[in-house]
Amino acid sequence: MDHTGKIYTISLEERLDAENVNEFKELTKQVLDDPDANGIVINFENTKFIDSIGLGALVSFLKATVQLNIKIALCRFTPQVKQIFELTRLYRLFDIFETIEEAEDFLNK
């Protein structure tokens, strides 16, 4: 996880599933515990698979950030991740960008 000013960046591994979802939750907890955090970029460039547990963790994190007024931007979807978000229609809940720079620009507004 990278931290620049008030924006965090998490680059996910190849999978976000039941096996490693606790690592993701620990990283996101650090952001939620930082009173100065105002945005987070989640980078999916290496991610090829997300199961229902991983999707649930993303939605739970979104709910928590909304309560704390922290914005989330997802970026660099692989074709597999894009398909998962389209099938589940989760693209409607998240702000999704092609590049990290676009995501950071959105968060800095």
C-alpha atoms as a PDB file:
ATOM      1  CA  MET A   1       0.000   0.000   0.000  1.00  0.00           C
ATOM      2  CA  ASP A   2       1.253   3.451  -0.937  1.00  0.00           C
ATOM      3  CA  HIS A   3       0.320   6.644   0.818  1.00  0.00           C
ATOM      4  CA  THR A   4       0.645  10.091  -0.748  1.00  0.00           C
ATOM      5  CA  GLY A   5      -0.759  12.919   1.311  1.00  0.00           C
ATOM      6  CA  LYS A   6      -4.358  12.074   2.098  1.00  0.00           C
ATOM      7  CA  ILE A   7      -4.715   9.466  -0.669  1.00  0.00           C
ATOM      8  CA  TYR A   8      -3.888   5.783  -0.300  1.00  0.00           C
ATOM      9  CA  THR A   9      -3.264   3.345  -3.145  1.00  0.00           C
ATOM     10  CA  ILE A  10      -3.789  -0.397  -2.769  1.00  0.00           C
ATOM     11  CA  SER A  11      -2.560  -2.623  -5.583  1.00  0.00           C
ATOM     12  CA  LEU A  12      -4.340  -5.946  -5.400  1.00  0.00           C
ATOM     13  CA  GLU A  13      -2.758  -9.310  -6.064  1.00  0.00           C
ATOM     14  CA  GLU A  14      -3.802 -11.790  -8.751  1.00  0.00           C
ATOM     15  CA  ARG A  15      -6.820 -12.884  -6.714  1.00  0.00           C
ATOM     16  CA  LEU A  16      -9.167 -11.268  -4.219  1.00  0.00           C
ATOM     17  CA  ASP A  17     -10.885 -14.256  -2.684  1.00  0.00           C
ATOM     18  CA  ALA A  18     -11.524 -16.163   0.525  1.00  0.00           C
ATOM     19  CA  GLU A  19      -7.838 -17.041   0.824  1.00  0.00           C
ATOM     20  CA  ASN A  20      -6.511 -13.493   0.983  1.00  0.00           C
ATOM     21  CA  VAL A  21      -9.509 -11.303   1.806  1.00  0.00           C
ATOM     22  CA  ASN A  22      -8.264 -10.821   5.369  1.00  0.00           C
ATOM     23  CA  GLU A  23      -5.114  -9.126   4.048  1.00  0.00           C
ATOM     24  CA  PHE A  24      -7.321  -6.759   2.042  1.00  0.00           C
ATOM     25  CA  LYS A  25      -9.452  -6.046   5.121  1.00  0.00           C
ATOM     26  CA  GLU A  26      -6.334  -5.258   7.184  1.00  0.00           C
ATOM     27  CA  LEU A  27      -5.129  -2.778   4.555  1.00  0.00           C
ATOM     28  CA  THR A  28      -8.509  -1.100   4.314  1.00  0.00           C
ATOM     29  CA  LYS A  29      -8.760  -0.889   8.099  1.00  0.00           C
ATOM     30  CA  GLN A  30      -5.556   1.168   8.124  1.00  0.00           C
ATOM     31  CA  VAL A  31      -7.201   3.667   5.789  1.00  0.00           C
ATOM     32  CA  LEU A  32     -10.388   3.782   7.847  1.00  0.00           C
ATOM     33  CA  ASP A  33      -8.329   4.362  11.016  1.00  0.00           C
ATOM     34  CA  ASP A  34      -6.457   7.333   9.496  1.00  0.00           C
ATOM     35  CA  PRO A  35      -8.417  10.506  10.341  1.00  0.00           C
ATOM     36  CA  ASP A  36      -6.594  12.408   7.575  1.00  0.00           C
ATOM     37  CA  ALA A  37      -7.475   9.963   4.786  1.00  0.00           C
ATOM     38  CA  ASN A  38      -9.836  11.372   2.203  1.00  0.00           C
ATOM     39  CA  GLY A  39      -9.399   8.976  -0.708  1.00  0.00           C
ATOM     40  CA  ILE A  40      -8.265   5.557  -1.792  1.00  0.00           C
ATOM     41  CA  VAL A  41      -7.325   4.141  -5.170  1.00  0.00           C
ATOM     42  CA  ILE A  42      -7.685   0.395  -5.613  1.00  0.00           C
ATOM     43  CA  ASN A  43      -5.539  -0.809  -8.497  1.00  0.00           C
ATOM     44  CA  PHE A  44      -6.685  -4.023 -10.215  1.00  0.00           C
ATOM     45  CA  GLU A  45      -3.979  -4.237 -12.907  1.00  0.00           C
ATOM     46  CA  ASN A  46      -2.718  -7.624 -11.633  1.00  0.00           C
ATOM     47  CA  THR A  47      -6.079  -9.050 -10.567  1.00  0.00           C
ATOM     48  CA  LYS A  48      -7.571 -11.840 -12.631  1.00  0.00           C
ATOM     49  CA  PHE A  49     -10.140 -13.282 -10.223  1.00  0.00           C
ATOM     50  CA  ILE A  50     -12.523 -12.037  -7.539  1.00  0.00           C
ATOM     51  CA  ASP A  51     -14.950 -14.340  -5.770  1.00  0.00           C
ATOM     52  CA  SER A  52     -18.101 -13.433  -3.850  1.00  0.00           C
ATOM     53  CA  ILE A  53     -16.105 -13.034  -0.618  1.00  0.00           C
ATOM     54  CA  GLY A  54     -13.820 -10.502  -2.317  1.00  0.00           C
ATOM     55  CA  LEU A  55     -16.765  -8.624  -3.818  1.00  0.00           C
ATOM     56  CA  GLY A  56     -18.435  -8.557  -0.415  1.00  0.00           C
ATOM     57  CA  ALA A  57     -15.290  -7.087   1.142  1.00  0.00           C
ATOM     58  CA  LEU A  58     -15.209  -4.343  -1.508  1.00  0.00           C
ATOM     59  CA  VAL A  59     -18.867  -3.455  -0.894  1.00  0.00           C
ATOM     60  CA  SER A  60     -18.367  -3.465   2.897  1.00  0.00           C
ATOM     61  CA  PHE A  61     -15.377  -1.173   2.496  1.00  0.00           C
ATOM     62  CA  LEU A  62     -17.416   1.147   0.276  1.00  0.00           C
ATOM     63  CA  LYS A  63     -20.145   1.364   2.919  1.00  0.00           C
ATOM     64  CA  ALA A  64     -17.601   2.180   5.633  1.00  0.00           C
ATOM     65  CA  THR A  65     -15.914   4.870   3.535  1.00  0.00           C
ATOM     66  CA  VAL A  66     -19.223   6.544   2.716  1.00  0.00           C
ATOM     67  CA  GLN A  67     -19.904   6.938   6.450  1.00  0.00           C
ATOM     68  CA  LEU A  68     -16.446   8.503   6.937  1.00  0.00           C
ATOM     69  CA  ASN A  69     -16.659  10.697   3.807  1.00  0.00           C
ATOM     70  CA  ILE A  70     -13.694   8.942   2.145  1.00  0.00           C
ATOM     71  CA  LYS A  71     -13.915   8.546  -1.625  1.00  0.00           C
ATOM     72  CA  ILE A  72     -12.906   5.348  -3.461  1.00  0.00           C
ATOM     73  CA  ALA A  73     -11.703   5.090  -7.043  1.00  0.00           C
ATOM     74  CA  LEU A  74     -11.122   1.729  -8.734  1.00  0.00           C
ATOM     75  CA  CYS A  75      -8.777   1.532 -11.697  1.00  0.00           C
ATOM     76  CA  ARG A  76      -6.877  -0.536 -14.255  1.00  0.00           C
ATOM     77  CA  PHE A  77      -9.386  -3.361 -14.561  1.00  0.00           C
ATOM     78  CA  THR A  78      -8.203  -6.486 -16.316  1.00  0.00           C
ATOM     79  CA  PRO A  79     -10.727  -7.993 -18.770  1.00  0.00           C
ATOM     80  CA  GLN A  80     -11.620 -10.639 -16.161  1.00  0.00           C
ATOM     81  CA  VAL A  81     -12.328  -8.081 -13.432  1.00  0.00           C
ATOM     82  CA  LYS A  82     -14.281  -5.879 -15.830  1.00  0.00           C
ATOM     83  CA  GLN A  83     -16.473  -8.857 -16.724  1.00  0.00           C
ATOM     84  CA  ILE A  84     -17.110  -9.674 -13.044  1.00  0.00           C
ATOM     85  CA  PHE A  85     -18.158  -6.079 -12.333  1.00  0.00           C
ATOM     86  CA  GLU A  86     -20.438  -6.055 -15.373  1.00  0.00           C
ATOM     87  CA  LEU A  87     -22.071  -9.400 -14.539  1.00  0.00           C
ATOM     88  CA  THR A  88     -22.714  -8.367 -10.934  1.00  0.00           C
ATOM     89  CA  ARG A  89     -23.539  -4.772 -11.930  1.00  0.00           C
ATOM     90  CA  LEU A  90     -21.215  -3.498  -9.218  1.00  0.00           C
ATOM     91  CA  TYR A  91     -19.859  -0.945 -11.682  1.00  0.00           C
ATOM     92  CA  ARG A  92     -22.939   1.087 -10.708  1.00  0.00           C
ATOM     93  CA  LEU A  93     -21.691   1.491  -7.119  1.00  0.00           C
ATOM     94  CA  PHE A  94     -18.066   2.440  -7.745  1.00  0.00           C
ATOM     95  CA  ASP A  95     -16.181   5.162  -9.585  1.00  0.00           C
ATOM     96  CA  ILE A  96     -13.997   3.297 -12.104  1.00  0.00           C
ATOM     97  CA  PHE A  97     -11.091   4.713 -14.123  1.00  0.00           C
ATOM     98  CA  GLU A  98      -8.645   3.511 -16.768  1.00  0.00           C
ATOM     99  CA  THR A  99      -5.497   4.845 -15.052  1.00  0.00           C
ATOM    100  CA  ILE A 100      -4.204   5.563 -11.579  1.00  0.00           C
ATOM    101  CA  GLU A 101      -3.714   9.205 -12.577  1.00  0.00           C
ATOM    102  CA  GLU A 102      -7.378   9.581 -13.568  1.00  0.00           C
ATOM    103  CA  ALA A 103      -8.420   7.992 -10.278  1.00  0.00           C
ATOM    104  CA  GLU A 104      -6.169  10.322  -8.279  1.00  0.00           C
ATOM    105  CA  ASP A 105      -7.454  13.370 -10.186  1.00  0.00           C
ATOM    106  CA  PHE A 106     -11.014  12.344  -9.288  1.00  0.00           C
ATOM    107  CA  LEU A 107     -10.082  11.971  -5.621  1.00  0.00           C
ATOM    108  CA  ASN A 108      -8.325  15.331  -5.514  1.00  0.00           C
ATOM    109  CA  LYS A 109     -11.430  17.227  -6.680  1.00  0.00           C
END
